Amino acid sequence: NRITLSAKMSGVQDLIAVYRELSAQCDYALHLGLTE
């Protein structure tokens, strides 16, 4: 309960795909953002 995750990419479709997979594999709170 002290861990937040993010996995930022600069491509729209890449970001969507990565966060879908990340959200399916864990219950950590997620920080969203399209880098650069």
Full PDB file with SEQRES, HELIX, SHEET, SSBOND, CRYST1, ORIGX, SCALE, CONECT and MASTER records, all heavy atoms in Angstrom:
SEQRES   1 A   36  ASN ARG ILE THR LEU SER ALA LYS MET SER GLY VAL GLN          
SEQRES   2 A   36  ASP LEU ILE ALA VAL TYR ARG GLU LEU SER ALA GLN CYS          
SEQRES   3 A   36  ASP TYR ALA LEU HIS LEU GLY LEU THR GLU                      
HELIX    1 AA1 VAL A   12  GLN A   25  1                                  14    
SHEET    1 AA1 2 THR A   4  LEU A   5  0                                        
SHEET    2 AA1 2 ALA A  29  LEU A  30  1                                        
CRYST1    1.000    1.000    1.000  90.00  90.00  90.00 P 1           1          
ORIGX1      1.000000  0.000000  0.000000        0.00000                         
ORIGX2      0.000000  1.000000  0.000000        0.00000                         
ORIGX3      0.000000  0.000000  1.000000        0.00000                         
SCALE1      1.000000  0.000000  0.000000        0.00000                         
SCALE2      0.000000  1.000000  0.000000        0.00000                         
SCALE3      0.000000  0.000000  1.000000        0.00000                         
ATOM      1  N   ASN A   1       0.808  -1.216   0.000  1.00  0.00           N  
ATOM      2  CA  ASN A   1       0.000   0.000   0.000  1.00  0.00           C  
ATOM      3  C   ASN A   1       0.849   1.276   0.000  1.00  0.00           C  
ATOM      4  O   ASN A   1       0.349   2.357   0.261  1.00  0.00           O  
ATOM      5  CB  ASN A   1      -0.976   0.016   1.178  1.00  0.00           C  
ATOM      6  CG  ASN A   1      -0.289   0.074   2.525  1.00  0.00           C  
ATOM      7  OD1 ASN A   1       0.941   0.007   2.611  1.00  0.00           O  
ATOM      8  ND2 ASN A   1      -1.070   0.199   3.583  1.00  0.00           N  
ATOM      9  N   ARG A   2       2.142   1.115  -0.292  1.00  0.00           N  
ATOM     10  CA  ARG A   2       2.987   2.294  -0.495  1.00  0.00           C  
ATOM     11  C   ARG A   2       3.662   2.254  -1.856  1.00  0.00           C  
ATOM     12  O   ARG A   2       4.650   2.951  -2.099  1.00  0.00           O  
ATOM     13  CB  ARG A   2       4.049   2.403   0.604  1.00  0.00           C  
ATOM     14  CG  ARG A   2       3.483   2.757   1.968  1.00  0.00           C  
ATOM     15  CD  ARG A   2       4.577   3.179   2.933  1.00  0.00           C  
ATOM     16  NE  ARG A   2       4.095   3.064   4.312  1.00  0.00           N  
ATOM     17  CZ  ARG A   2       4.824   2.607   5.323  1.00  0.00           C  
ATOM     18  NH1 ARG A   2       6.071   2.210   5.107  1.00  0.00           N  
ATOM     19  NH2 ARG A   2       4.318   2.545   6.534  1.00  0.00           N  
ATOM     20  N   ILE A   3       3.128   1.447  -2.771  1.00  0.00           N  
ATOM     21  CA  ILE A   3       3.741   1.312  -4.097  1.00  0.00           C  
ATOM     22  C   ILE A   3       2.748   1.721  -5.179  1.00  0.00           C  
ATOM     23  O   ILE A   3       1.619   1.229  -5.233  1.00  0.00           O  
ATOM     24  CB  ILE A   3       4.206  -0.136  -4.355  1.00  0.00           C  
ATOM     25  CG1 ILE A   3       5.281  -0.546  -3.344  1.00  0.00           C  
ATOM     26  CG2 ILE A   3       4.731  -0.290  -5.780  1.00  0.00           C  
ATOM     27  CD1 ILE A   3       5.705  -2.003  -3.448  1.00  0.00           C  
ATOM     28  N   THR A   4       3.177   2.637  -6.036  1.00  0.00           N  
ATOM     29  CA  THR A   4       2.447   3.007  -7.247  1.00  0.00           C  
ATOM     30  C   THR A   4       3.344   2.675  -8.432  1.00  0.00           C  
ATOM     31  O   THR A   4       4.568   2.819  -8.345  1.00  0.00           O  
ATOM     32  CB  THR A   4       2.127   4.511  -7.253  1.00  0.00           C  
ATOM     33  OG1 THR A   4       1.387   4.844  -6.086  1.00  0.00           O  
ATOM     34  CG2 THR A   4       1.306   4.892  -8.472  1.00  0.00           C  
ATOM     35  N   LEU A   5       2.744   2.237  -9.527  1.00  0.00           N  
ATOM     36  CA  LEU A   5       3.520   1.886 -10.716  1.00  0.00           C  
ATOM     37  C   LEU A   5       3.145   2.780 -11.891  1.00  0.00           C  
ATOM     38  O   LEU A   5       2.007   3.234 -12.010  1.00  0.00           O  
ATOM     39  CB  LEU A   5       3.276   0.429 -11.122  1.00  0.00           C  
ATOM     40  CG  LEU A   5       3.639  -0.675 -10.133  1.00  0.00           C  
ATOM     41  CD1 LEU A   5       3.402  -2.049 -10.778  1.00  0.00           C  
ATOM     42  CD2 LEU A   5       5.076  -0.544  -9.662  1.00  0.00           C  
ATOM     43  N   SER A   6       4.121   2.999 -12.765  1.00  0.00           N  
ATOM     44  CA  SER A   6       3.844   3.611 -14.066  1.00  0.00           C  
ATOM     45  C   SER A   6       4.748   2.965 -15.094  1.00  0.00           C  
ATOM     46  O   SER A   6       5.824   2.454 -14.773  1.00  0.00           O  
ATOM     47  CB  SER A   6       4.053   5.127 -14.031  1.00  0.00           C  
ATOM     48  OG  SER A   6       5.407   5.457 -13.808  1.00  0.00           O  
ATOM     49  N   ALA A   7       4.304   2.983 -16.343  1.00  0.00           N  
ATOM     50  CA  ALA A   7       5.068   2.400 -17.447  1.00  0.00           C  
ATOM     51  C   ALA A   7       4.845   3.296 -18.666  1.00  0.00           C  
ATOM     52  O   ALA A   7       4.005   3.011 -19.514  1.00  0.00           O  
ATOM     53  CB  ALA A   7       4.615   0.967 -17.716  1.00  0.00           C  
ATOM     54  N   LYS A   8       5.601   4.366 -18.725  1.00  0.00           N  
ATOM     55  CA  LYS A   8       5.311   5.421 -19.702  1.00  0.00           C  
ATOM     56  C   LYS A   8       6.014   5.205 -21.036  1.00  0.00           C  
ATOM     57  O   LYS A   8       7.198   4.862 -21.077  1.00  0.00           O  
ATOM     58  CB  LYS A   8       5.688   6.785 -19.133  1.00  0.00           C  
ATOM     59  CG  LYS A   8       4.812   7.198 -17.948  1.00  0.00           C  
ATOM     60  CD  LYS A   8       5.058   8.654 -17.576  1.00  0.00           C  
ATOM     61  CE  LYS A   8       4.150   9.096 -16.451  1.00  0.00           C  
ATOM     62  NZ  LYS A   8       4.310  10.527 -16.144  1.00  0.00           N  
ATOM     63  N   MET A   9       5.246   5.423 -22.091  1.00  0.00           N  
ATOM     64  CA  MET A   9       5.755   5.363 -23.458  1.00  0.00           C  
ATOM     65  C   MET A   9       5.248   6.605 -24.186  1.00  0.00           C  
ATOM     66  O   MET A   9       4.312   7.268 -23.732  1.00  0.00           O  
ATOM     67  CB  MET A   9       5.293   4.077 -24.142  1.00  0.00           C  
ATOM     68  CG  MET A   9       5.622   2.815 -23.356  1.00  0.00           C  
ATOM     69  SD  MET A   9       5.220   1.287 -24.211  1.00  0.00           S  
ATOM     70  CE  MET A   9       6.589   1.150 -25.357  1.00  0.00           C  
ATOM     71  N   SER A  10       5.848   6.908 -25.336  1.00  0.00           N  
ATOM     72  CA  SER A  10       5.442   8.108 -26.069  1.00  0.00           C  
ATOM     73  C   SER A  10       4.493   7.809 -27.222  1.00  0.00           C  
ATOM     74  O   SER A  10       3.990   8.741 -27.848  1.00  0.00           O  
ATOM     75  CB  SER A  10       6.676   8.857 -26.596  1.00  0.00           C  
ATOM     76  OG  SER A  10       7.442   8.029 -27.449  1.00  0.00           O  
ATOM     77  N   GLY A  11       4.245   6.543 -27.498  1.00  0.00           N  
ATOM     78  CA  GLY A  11       3.292   6.161 -28.535  1.00  0.00           C  
ATOM     79  C   GLY A  11       1.935   5.841 -27.932  1.00  0.00           C  
ATOM     80  O   GLY A  11       1.847   5.118 -26.932  1.00  0.00           O  
ATOM     81  N   VAL A  12       0.887   6.350 -28.535  1.00  0.00           N  
ATOM     82  CA  VAL A  12      -0.462   6.164 -27.989  1.00  0.00           C  
ATOM     83  C   VAL A  12      -0.831   4.685 -27.903  1.00  0.00           C  
ATOM     84  O   VAL A  12      -1.253   4.189 -26.854  1.00  0.00           O  
ATOM     85  CB  VAL A  12      -1.496   6.937 -28.833  1.00  0.00           C  
ATOM     86  CG1 VAL A  12      -2.922   6.562 -28.429  1.00  0.00           C  
ATOM     87  CG2 VAL A  12      -1.279   8.439 -28.693  1.00  0.00           C  
ATOM     88  N   GLN A  13      -0.700   3.954 -28.998  1.00  0.00           N  
ATOM     89  CA  GLN A  13      -1.093   2.546 -28.994  1.00  0.00           C  
ATOM     90  C   GLN A  13      -0.194   1.718 -28.088  1.00  0.00           C  
ATOM     91  O   GLN A  13      -0.653   0.773 -27.432  1.00  0.00           O  
ATOM     92  CB  GLN A  13      -1.066   1.988 -30.425  1.00  0.00           C  
ATOM     93  CG  GLN A  13      -2.061   2.654 -31.369  1.00  0.00           C  
ATOM     94  CD  GLN A  13      -3.507   2.468 -30.929  1.00  0.00           C  
ATOM     95  OE1 GLN A  13      -3.841   1.540 -30.207  1.00  0.00           O  
ATOM     96  NE2 GLN A  13      -4.385   3.369 -31.384  1.00  0.00           N  
ATOM     97  N   ASP A  14       1.093   2.063 -28.038  1.00  0.00           N  
ATOM     98  CA  ASP A  14       2.009   1.363 -27.124  1.00  0.00           C  
ATOM     99  C   ASP A  14       1.567   1.547 -25.675  1.00  0.00           C  
ATOM    100  O   ASP A  14       1.533   0.593 -24.892  1.00  0.00           O  
ATOM    101  CB  ASP A  14       3.432   1.898 -27.296  1.00  0.00           C  
ATOM    102  CG  ASP A  14       4.073   1.493 -28.600  1.00  0.00           C  
ATOM    103  OD1 ASP A  14       3.937   0.320 -28.979  1.00  0.00           O  
ATOM    104  OD2 ASP A  14       4.710   2.350 -29.235  1.00  0.00           O  
ATOM    105  N   LEU A  15       1.247   2.787 -25.308  1.00  0.00           N  
ATOM    106  CA  LEU A  15       0.865   3.063 -23.930  1.00  0.00           C  
ATOM    107  C   LEU A  15      -0.395   2.293 -23.553  1.00  0.00           C  
ATOM    108  O   LEU A  15      -0.480   1.697 -22.478  1.00  0.00           O  
ATOM    109  CB  LEU A  15       0.639   4.568 -23.736  1.00  0.00           C  
ATOM    110  CG  LEU A  15       0.513   4.984 -22.272  1.00  0.00           C  
ATOM    111  CD1 LEU A  15       1.892   5.193 -21.654  1.00  0.00           C  
ATOM    112  CD2 LEU A  15      -0.310   6.266 -22.126  1.00  0.00           C  
ATOM    113  N   ILE A  16      -1.377   2.306 -24.430  1.00  0.00           N  
ATOM    114  CA  ILE A  16      -2.625   1.595 -24.151  1.00  0.00           C  
ATOM    115  C   ILE A  16      -2.361   0.104 -23.944  1.00  0.00           C  
ATOM    116  O   ILE A  16      -2.846  -0.510 -22.987  1.00  0.00           O  
ATOM    117  CB  ILE A  16      -3.632   1.825 -25.290  1.00  0.00           C  
ATOM    118  CG1 ILE A  16      -4.082   3.294 -25.315  1.00  0.00           C  
ATOM    119  CG2 ILE A  16      -4.846   0.903 -25.136  1.00  0.00           C  
ATOM    120  CD1 ILE A  16      -4.880   3.677 -26.553  1.00  0.00           C  
ATOM    121  N   ALA A  17      -1.569  -0.485 -24.830  1.00  0.00           N  
ATOM    122  CA  ALA A  17      -1.286  -1.926 -24.739  1.00  0.00           C  
ATOM    123  C   ALA A  17      -0.551  -2.268 -23.446  1.00  0.00           C  
ATOM    124  O   ALA A  17      -0.879  -3.252 -22.769  1.00  0.00           O  
ATOM    125  CB  ALA A  17      -0.467  -2.367 -25.950  1.00  0.00           C  
ATOM    126  N   VAL A  18       0.441  -1.460 -23.078  1.00  0.00           N  
ATOM    127  CA  VAL A  18       1.239  -1.747 -21.887  1.00  0.00           C  
ATOM    128  C   VAL A  18       0.391  -1.632 -20.623  1.00  0.00           C  
ATOM    129  O   VAL A  18       0.456  -2.500 -19.732  1.00  0.00           O  
ATOM    130  CB  VAL A  18       2.459  -0.803 -21.824  1.00  0.00           C  
ATOM    131  CG1 VAL A  18       3.078  -0.813 -20.425  1.00  0.00           C  
ATOM    132  CG2 VAL A  18       3.497  -1.230 -22.849  1.00  0.00           C  
ATOM    133  N   TYR A  19      -0.411  -0.595 -20.517  1.00  0.00           N  
ATOM    134  CA  TYR A  19      -1.210  -0.426 -19.295  1.00  0.00           C  
ATOM    135  C   TYR A  19      -2.328  -1.463 -19.197  1.00  0.00           C  
ATOM    136  O   TYR A  19      -2.696  -1.866 -18.092  1.00  0.00           O  
ATOM    137  CB  TYR A  19      -1.768   0.989 -19.213  1.00  0.00           C  
ATOM    138  CG  TYR A  19      -0.821   1.932 -18.509  1.00  0.00           C  
ATOM    139  CD1 TYR A  19       0.059   2.719 -19.233  1.00  0.00           C  
ATOM    140  CD2 TYR A  19      -0.787   2.020 -17.123  1.00  0.00           C  
ATOM    141  CE1 TYR A  19       0.950   3.579 -18.595  1.00  0.00           C  
ATOM    142  CE2 TYR A  19       0.094   2.871 -16.478  1.00  0.00           C  
ATOM    143  CZ  TYR A  19       0.957   3.652 -17.216  1.00  0.00           C  
ATOM    144  OH  TYR A  19       1.832   4.495 -16.577  1.00  0.00           O  
ATOM    145  N   ARG A  20      -2.863  -1.882 -20.322  1.00  0.00           N  
ATOM    146  CA  ARG A  20      -3.850  -2.968 -20.262  1.00  0.00           C  
ATOM    147  C   ARG A  20      -3.213  -4.222 -19.669  1.00  0.00           C  
ATOM    148  O   ARG A  20      -3.803  -4.897 -18.817  1.00  0.00           O  
ATOM    149  CB  ARG A  20      -4.398  -3.253 -21.657  1.00  0.00           C  
ATOM    150  CG  ARG A  20      -5.458  -2.274 -22.137  1.00  0.00           C  
ATOM    151  CD  ARG A  20      -5.830  -2.536 -23.582  1.00  0.00           C  
ATOM    152  NE  ARG A  20      -6.986  -1.734 -23.999  1.00  0.00           N  
ATOM    153  CZ  ARG A  20      -7.350  -1.546 -25.268  1.00  0.00           C  
ATOM    154  NH1 ARG A  20      -6.639  -2.107 -26.239  1.00  0.00           N  
ATOM    155  NH2 ARG A  20      -8.400  -0.808 -25.558  1.00  0.00           N  
ATOM    156  N   GLU A  21      -2.012  -4.537 -20.127  1.00  0.00           N  
ATOM    157  CA  GLU A  21      -1.327  -5.728 -19.631  1.00  0.00           C  
ATOM    158  C   GLU A  21      -0.918  -5.559 -18.177  1.00  0.00           C  
ATOM    159  O   GLU A  21      -1.080  -6.469 -17.357  1.00  0.00           O  
ATOM    160  CB  GLU A  21      -0.107  -6.026 -20.508  1.00  0.00           C  
ATOM    161  CG  GLU A  21       0.593  -7.335 -20.180  1.00  0.00           C  
ATOM    162  CD  GLU A  21      -0.295  -8.548 -20.384  1.00  0.00           C  
ATOM    163  OE1 GLU A  21      -1.178  -8.516 -21.265  1.00  0.00           O  
ATOM    164  OE2 GLU A  21      -0.118  -9.544 -19.627  1.00  0.00           O  
ATOM    165  N   LEU A  22      -0.390  -4.390 -17.838  1.00  0.00           N  
ATOM    166  CA  LEU A  22       0.045  -4.145 -16.465  1.00  0.00           C  
ATOM    167  C   LEU A  22      -1.133  -4.210 -15.498  1.00  0.00           C  
ATOM    168  O   LEU A  22      -1.035  -4.818 -14.425  1.00  0.00           O  
ATOM    169  CB  LEU A  22       0.722  -2.776 -16.383  1.00  0.00           C  
ATOM    170  CG  LEU A  22       1.349  -2.379 -15.044  1.00  0.00           C  
ATOM    171  CD1 LEU A  22       2.426  -3.371 -14.626  1.00  0.00           C  
ATOM    172  CD2 LEU A  22       1.932  -0.968 -15.137  1.00  0.00           C  
ATOM    173  N   SER A  23      -2.249  -3.620 -15.883  1.00  0.00           N  
ATOM    174  CA  SER A  23      -3.420  -3.613 -14.996  1.00  0.00           C  
ATOM    175  C   SER A  23      -3.983  -5.011 -14.802  1.00  0.00           C  
ATOM    176  O   SER A  23      -4.543  -5.319 -13.746  1.00  0.00           O  
ATOM    177  CB  SER A  23      -4.503  -2.691 -15.557  1.00  0.00           C  
ATOM    178  OG  SER A  23      -5.060  -3.210 -16.746  1.00  0.00           O  
ATOM    179  N   ALA A  24      -3.828  -5.867 -15.809  1.00  0.00           N  
ATOM    180  CA  ALA A  24      -4.342  -7.233 -15.707  1.00  0.00           C  
ATOM    181  C   ALA A  24      -3.483  -8.102 -14.798  1.00  0.00           C  
ATOM    182  O   ALA A  24      -3.949  -9.113 -14.272  1.00  0.00           O  
ATOM    183  CB  ALA A  24      -4.419  -7.864 -17.100  1.00  0.00           C  
ATOM    184  N   GLN A  25      -2.224  -7.697 -14.586  1.00  0.00           N  
ATOM    185  CA  GLN A  25      -1.299  -8.541 -13.833  1.00  0.00           C  
ATOM    186  C   GLN A  25      -1.066  -8.100 -12.394  1.00  0.00           C  
ATOM    187  O   GLN A  25      -0.336  -8.766 -11.657  1.00  0.00           O  
ATOM    188  CB  GLN A  25       0.051  -8.595 -14.560  1.00  0.00           C  
ATOM    189  CG  GLN A  25       0.009  -9.317 -15.896  1.00  0.00           C  
ATOM    190  CD  GLN A  25       1.404  -9.626 -16.416  1.00  0.00           C  
ATOM    191  OE1 GLN A  25       2.308  -9.947 -15.648  1.00  0.00           O  
ATOM    192  NE2 GLN A  25       1.579  -9.549 -17.728  1.00  0.00           N  
ATOM    193  N   CYS A  26      -1.656  -6.973 -11.984  1.00  0.00           N  
ATOM    194  CA  CYS A  26      -1.374  -6.527 -10.619  1.00  0.00           C  
ATOM    195  C   CYS A  26      -2.529  -5.679 -10.090  1.00  0.00           C  
ATOM    196  O   CYS A  26      -3.421  -5.277 -10.838  1.00  0.00           O  
ATOM    197  CB  CYS A  26      -0.079  -5.713 -10.580  1.00  0.00           C  
ATOM    198  SG  CYS A  26      -0.221  -4.060 -11.293  1.00  0.00           S  
ATOM    199  N   ASP A  27      -2.489  -5.411  -8.786  1.00  0.00           N  
ATOM    200  CA  ASP A  27      -3.483  -4.526  -8.187  1.00  0.00           C  
ATOM    201  C   ASP A  27      -2.827  -3.300  -7.550  1.00  0.00           C  
ATOM    202  O   ASP A  27      -3.410  -2.645  -6.695  1.00  0.00           O  
ATOM    203  CB  ASP A  27      -4.334  -5.270  -7.156  1.00  0.00           C  
ATOM    204  CG  ASP A  27      -3.517  -5.920  -6.041  1.00  0.00           C  
ATOM    205  OD1 ASP A  27      -2.276  -5.743  -6.024  1.00  0.00           O  
ATOM    206  OD2 ASP A  27      -4.119  -6.586  -5.184  1.00  0.00           O  
ATOM    207  N   TYR A  28      -1.592  -2.988  -7.977  1.00  0.00           N  
ATOM    208  CA  TYR A  28      -0.966  -1.746  -7.527  1.00  0.00           C  
ATOM    209  C   TYR A  28      -1.715  -0.549  -8.128  1.00  0.00           C  
ATOM    210  O   TYR A  28      -2.280  -0.637  -9.227  1.00  0.00           O  
ATOM    211  CB  TYR A  28       0.493  -1.674  -7.991  1.00  0.00           C  
ATOM    212  CG  TYR A  28       1.408  -2.726  -7.415  1.00  0.00           C  
ATOM    213  CD1 TYR A  28       1.919  -3.741  -8.214  1.00  0.00           C  
ATOM    214  CD2 TYR A  28       1.791  -2.693  -6.078  1.00  0.00           C  
ATOM    215  CE1 TYR A  28       2.770  -4.708  -7.715  1.00  0.00           C  
ATOM    216  CE2 TYR A  28       2.650  -3.658  -5.557  1.00  0.00           C  
ATOM    217  CZ  TYR A  28       3.132  -4.661  -6.381  1.00  0.00           C  
ATOM    218  OH  TYR A  28       3.976  -5.612  -5.866  1.00  0.00           O  
ATOM    219  N   ALA A  29      -1.703   0.572  -7.424  1.00  0.00           N  
ATOM    220  CA  ALA A  29      -2.241   1.805  -7.983  1.00  0.00           C  
ATOM    221  C   ALA A  29      -1.385   2.208  -9.187  1.00  0.00           C  
ATOM    222  O   ALA A  29      -0.162   2.057  -9.168  1.00  0.00           O  
ATOM    223  CB  ALA A  29      -2.244   2.912  -6.941  1.00  0.00           C  
ATOM    224  N   LEU A  30      -2.037   2.731 -10.226  1.00  0.00           N  
ATOM    225  CA  LEU A  30      -1.342   3.051 -11.473  1.00  0.00           C  
ATOM    226  C   LEU A  30      -1.374   4.546 -11.771  1.00  0.00           C  
ATOM    227  O   LEU A  30      -2.419   5.187 -11.692  1.00  0.00           O  
ATOM    228  CB  LEU A  30      -1.964   2.286 -12.643  1.00  0.00           C  
ATOM    229  CG  LEU A  30      -1.893   0.763 -12.574  1.00  0.00           C  
ATOM    230  CD1 LEU A  30      -2.523   0.149 -13.825  1.00  0.00           C  
ATOM    231  CD2 LEU A  30      -0.462   0.268 -12.404  1.00  0.00           C  
ATOM    232  N   HIS A  31      -0.207   5.056 -12.126  1.00  0.00           N  
ATOM    233  CA  HIS A  31      -0.039   6.447 -12.563  1.00  0.00           C  
ATOM    234  C   HIS A  31      -0.018   6.440 -14.088  1.00  0.00           C  
ATOM    235  O   HIS A  31       0.814   5.767 -14.697  1.00  0.00           O  
ATOM    236  CB  HIS A  31       1.279   6.979 -11.986  1.00  0.00           C  
ATOM    237  CG  HIS A  31       1.767   8.271 -12.562  1.00  0.00           C  
ATOM    238  ND1 HIS A  31       1.966   9.389 -11.788  1.00  0.00           N  
ATOM    239  CD2 HIS A  31       2.129   8.631 -13.819  1.00  0.00           C  
ATOM    240  CE1 HIS A  31       2.420  10.374 -12.546  1.00  0.00           C  
ATOM    241  NE2 HIS A  31       2.531   9.925 -13.783  1.00  0.00           N  
ATOM    242  N   LEU A  32      -0.928   7.192 -14.721  1.00  0.00           N  
ATOM    243  CA  LEU A  32      -0.998   7.248 -16.180  1.00  0.00           C  
ATOM    244  C   LEU A  32      -0.346   8.514 -16.705  1.00  0.00           C  
ATOM    245  O   LEU A  32      -0.485   9.592 -16.117  1.00  0.00           O  
ATOM    246  CB  LEU A  32      -2.445   7.245 -16.665  1.00  0.00           C  
ATOM    247  CG  LEU A  32      -3.355   6.070 -16.333  1.00  0.00           C  
ATOM    248  CD1 LEU A  32      -4.676   6.220 -17.085  1.00  0.00           C  
ATOM    249  CD2 LEU A  32      -2.696   4.749 -16.661  1.00  0.00           C  
ATOM    250  N   GLY A  33       0.321   8.381 -17.829  1.00  0.00           N  
ATOM    251  CA  GLY A  33       0.875   9.543 -18.503  1.00  0.00           C  
ATOM    252  C   GLY A  33       1.569   9.115 -19.778  1.00  0.00           C  
ATOM    253  O   GLY A  33       2.225   8.072 -19.816  1.00  0.00           O  
ATOM    254  N   LEU A  34       1.387   9.905 -20.829  1.00  0.00           N  
ATOM    255  CA  LEU A  34       2.092   9.677 -22.089  1.00  0.00           C  
ATOM    256  C   LEU A  34       3.378  10.480 -22.027  1.00  0.00           C  
ATOM    257  O   LEU A  34       3.339  11.712 -22.010  1.00  0.00           O  
ATOM    258  CB  LEU A  34       1.224  10.128 -23.265  1.00  0.00           C  
ATOM    259  CG  LEU A  34       1.749   9.807 -24.660  1.00  0.00           C  
ATOM    260  CD1 LEU A  34       1.558   8.325 -24.974  1.00  0.00           C  
ATOM    261  CD2 LEU A  34       1.040  10.653 -25.715  1.00  0.00           C  
ATOM    262  N   THR A  35       4.516   9.802 -21.952  1.00  0.00           N  
ATOM    263  CA  THR A  35       5.767  10.518 -21.784  1.00  0.00           C  
ATOM    264  C   THR A  35       6.132  11.273 -23.055  1.00  0.00           C  
ATOM    265  O   THR A  35       5.792  10.838 -24.168  1.00  0.00           O  
ATOM    266  CB  THR A  35       6.904   9.550 -21.396  1.00  0.00           C  
ATOM    267  OG1 THR A  35       8.043  10.305 -20.988  1.00  0.00           O  
ATOM    268  CG2 THR A  35       7.304   8.642 -22.546  1.00  0.00           C  
ATOM    269  N   GLU A  36       6.802  12.415 -22.883  1.00  0.00           N  
ATOM    270  CA  GLU A  36       7.208  13.238 -24.027  1.00  0.00           C  
ATOM    271  C   GLU A  36       6.044  13.434 -25.002  1.00  0.00           C  
ATOM    272  O   GLU A  36       6.182  13.240 -26.219  1.00  0.00           O  
ATOM    273  CB  GLU A  36       8.401  12.618 -24.768  1.00  0.00           C  
ATOM    274  CG  GLU A  36       9.716  12.810 -24.055  1.00  0.00           C  
ATOM    275  CD  GLU A  36      10.030  11.684 -23.071  1.00  0.00           C  
ATOM    276  OE1 GLU A  36       9.836  10.509 -23.417  1.00  0.00           O  
ATOM    277  OE2 GLU A  36      10.458  11.986 -21.942  1.00  0.00           O  
TER     278      GLU A  36                                                      
MASTER        0    0    0    1    2    0    0    6  277    1    0    3          
END                                                                             
